[in-house]
Amino acid sequence: MLKEVVRKINAGFMFIELLLVLVIIMFAVFKVSKLYFKQPSLNQETQRVILESGIDNTSYKSTIDSTRNMVEDIQNKHFDELNKFE
């Protein structure tokens, strides 16, 4: 009987620990996603140069995506130029 009571108490503590871990993980995800989707804080000169380069800087995600697209375009151009020599 005492073992059953101890087992129920341990199960309750495990549930509370699990909830606490989930709350910590969700808080971390919330903070990271909030940082990832917010608008980057750039000074005006940097924003001007980035916009002139054709990079969208409305959020970190759009900056990363547009930069990735530009790099892919550059790689494709170089690949096409190398194929012309063959």
C-alpha atoms as a PDB file:
ATOM      1  CA  MET A   1       0.000   0.000   0.000  1.00  0.00           C
ATOM      2  CA  LEU A   2       2.829   2.392   0.850  1.00  0.00           C
ATOM      3  CA  LYS A   3       4.516   1.528  -2.448  1.00  0.00           C
ATOM      4  CA  GLU A   4       1.361   2.485  -4.358  1.00  0.00           C
ATOM      5  CA  VAL A   5       1.209   5.871  -2.633  1.00  0.00           C
ATOM      6  CA  VAL A   6       4.886   6.518  -3.368  1.00  0.00           C
ATOM      7  CA  ARG A   7       4.361   5.467  -6.984  1.00  0.00           C
ATOM      8  CA  LYS A   8       1.423   7.903  -7.363  1.00  0.00           C
ATOM      9  CA  ILE A   9       3.459  10.718  -5.822  1.00  0.00           C
ATOM     10  CA  ASN A  10       6.388   9.986  -8.164  1.00  0.00           C
ATOM     11  CA  ALA A  11       4.033   9.919 -11.151  1.00  0.00           C
ATOM     12  CA  GLY A  12       2.672  13.322 -10.123  1.00  0.00           C
ATOM     13  CA  PHE A  13       6.177  14.778  -9.867  1.00  0.00           C
ATOM     14  CA  MET A  14       7.101  13.328 -13.265  1.00  0.00           C
ATOM     15  CA  PHE A  15       4.028  15.012 -14.776  1.00  0.00           C
ATOM     16  CA  ILE A  16       4.943  18.364 -13.215  1.00  0.00           C
ATOM     17  CA  GLU A  17       8.556  18.018 -14.445  1.00  0.00           C
ATOM     18  CA  LEU A  18       7.306  17.210 -17.936  1.00  0.00           C
ATOM     19  CA  LEU A  19       5.039  20.262 -17.936  1.00  0.00           C
ATOM     20  CA  LEU A  20       7.893  22.451 -16.731  1.00  0.00           C
ATOM     21  CA  VAL A  21      10.197  21.215 -19.496  1.00  0.00           C
ATOM     22  CA  LEU A  22       7.488  21.800 -22.107  1.00  0.00           C
ATOM     23  CA  VAL A  23       6.926  25.340 -20.830  1.00  0.00           C
ATOM     24  CA  ILE A  24      10.671  26.076 -21.048  1.00  0.00           C
ATOM     25  CA  ILE A  25      10.870  24.673 -24.589  1.00  0.00           C
ATOM     26  CA  MET A  26       7.815  26.631 -25.735  1.00  0.00           C
ATOM     27  CA  PHE A  27       9.238  29.830 -24.225  1.00  0.00           C
ATOM     28  CA  ALA A  28      12.518  29.304 -26.089  1.00  0.00           C
ATOM     29  CA  VAL A  29      10.683  28.641 -29.368  1.00  0.00           C
ATOM     30  CA  PHE A  30       8.570  31.762 -28.852  1.00  0.00           C
ATOM     31  CA  LYS A  31      11.626  33.952 -28.266  1.00  0.00           C
ATOM     32  CA  VAL A  32      13.540  32.544 -31.241  1.00  0.00           C
ATOM     33  CA  SER A  33      10.585  32.823 -33.621  1.00  0.00           C
ATOM     34  CA  LYS A  34       9.897  36.368 -32.444  1.00  0.00           C
ATOM     35  CA  LEU A  35      13.508  37.289 -33.189  1.00  0.00           C
ATOM     36  CA  TYR A  36      13.487  35.455 -36.534  1.00  0.00           C
ATOM     37  CA  PHE A  37      10.382  37.169 -37.916  1.00  0.00           C
ATOM     38  CA  LYS A  38      10.927  40.707 -36.626  1.00  0.00           C
ATOM     39  CA  GLN A  39      12.268  43.475 -38.787  1.00  0.00           C
ATOM     40  CA  PRO A  40      16.051  43.777 -38.644  1.00  0.00           C
ATOM     41  CA  SER A  41      17.374  46.897 -36.957  1.00  0.00           C
ATOM     42  CA  LEU A  42      19.690  48.396 -39.550  1.00  0.00           C
ATOM     43  CA  ASN A  43      20.856  51.943 -39.901  1.00  0.00           C
ATOM     44  CA  GLN A  44      19.625  53.879 -42.934  1.00  0.00           C
ATOM     45  CA  GLU A  45      22.829  53.614 -44.935  1.00  0.00           C
ATOM     46  CA  THR A  46      22.957  49.853 -44.510  1.00  0.00           C
ATOM     47  CA  GLN A  47      19.287  49.540 -45.469  1.00  0.00           C
ATOM     48  CA  ARG A  48      19.868  51.653 -48.571  1.00  0.00           C
ATOM     49  CA  VAL A  49      22.846  49.544 -49.693  1.00  0.00           C
ATOM     50  CA  ILE A  50      20.987  46.288 -49.068  1.00  0.00           C
ATOM     51  CA  LEU A  51      17.929  47.495 -50.985  1.00  0.00           C
ATOM     52  CA  GLU A  52      20.122  48.647 -53.883  1.00  0.00           C
ATOM     53  CA  SER A  53      21.600  45.144 -53.977  1.00  0.00           C
ATOM     54  CA  GLY A  54      18.113  43.727 -54.434  1.00  0.00           C
ATOM     55  CA  ILE A  55      17.829  42.098 -51.026  1.00  0.00           C
ATOM     56  CA  ASP A  56      14.489  42.311 -49.234  1.00  0.00           C
ATOM     57  CA  ASN A  57      15.079  43.373 -45.617  1.00  0.00           C
ATOM     58  CA  THR A  58      11.565  43.474 -44.206  1.00  0.00           C
ATOM     59  CA  SER A  59      12.362  40.577 -41.852  1.00  0.00           C
ATOM     60  CA  TYR A  60      15.272  38.290 -41.116  1.00  0.00           C
ATOM     61  CA  LYS A  61      13.528  35.471 -42.983  1.00  0.00           C
ATOM     62  CA  SER A  62      13.001  37.559 -46.116  1.00  0.00           C
ATOM     63  CA  THR A  63      16.615  38.776 -45.942  1.00  0.00           C
ATOM     64  CA  ILE A  64      17.883  35.212 -45.750  1.00  0.00           C
ATOM     65  CA  ASP A  65      15.569  34.012 -48.533  1.00  0.00           C
ATOM     66  CA  SER A  66      16.402  36.827 -50.927  1.00  0.00           C
ATOM     67  CA  THR A  67      20.134  36.479 -50.216  1.00  0.00           C
ATOM     68  CA  ARG A  68      19.900  32.736 -50.872  1.00  0.00           C
ATOM     69  CA  ASN A  69      18.137  33.424 -54.174  1.00  0.00           C
ATOM     70  CA  MET A  70      20.810  35.915 -55.214  1.00  0.00           C
ATOM     71  CA  VAL A  71      23.600  33.432 -54.404  1.00  0.00           C
ATOM     72  CA  GLU A  72      21.806  30.715 -56.385  1.00  0.00           C
ATOM     73  CA  ASP A  73      21.483  33.092 -59.361  1.00  0.00           C
ATOM     74  CA  ILE A  74      25.197  33.889 -59.201  1.00  0.00           C
ATOM     75  CA  GLN A  75      26.054  30.195 -59.030  1.00  0.00           C
ATOM     76  CA  ASN A  76      23.819  29.460 -62.009  1.00  0.00           C
ATOM     77  CA  LYS A  77      25.445  32.243 -64.042  1.00  0.00           C
ATOM     78  CA  HIS A  78      28.918  30.920 -63.261  1.00  0.00           C
ATOM     79  CA  PHE A  79      27.822  27.381 -64.074  1.00  0.00           C
ATOM     80  CA  ASP A  80      26.415  28.544 -67.424  1.00  0.00           C
ATOM     81  CA  GLU A  81      29.661  30.372 -68.217  1.00  0.00           C
ATOM     82  CA  LEU A  82      31.685  27.280 -67.400  1.00  0.00           C
ATOM     83  CA  ASN A  83      29.448  25.165 -69.630  1.00  0.00           C
ATOM     84  CA  LYS A  84      30.119  27.539 -72.545  1.00  0.00           C
ATOM     85  CA  PHE A  85      33.817  26.638 -72.415  1.00  0.00           C
ATOM     86  CA  GLU A  86      33.143  22.911 -72.719  1.00  0.00           C
END
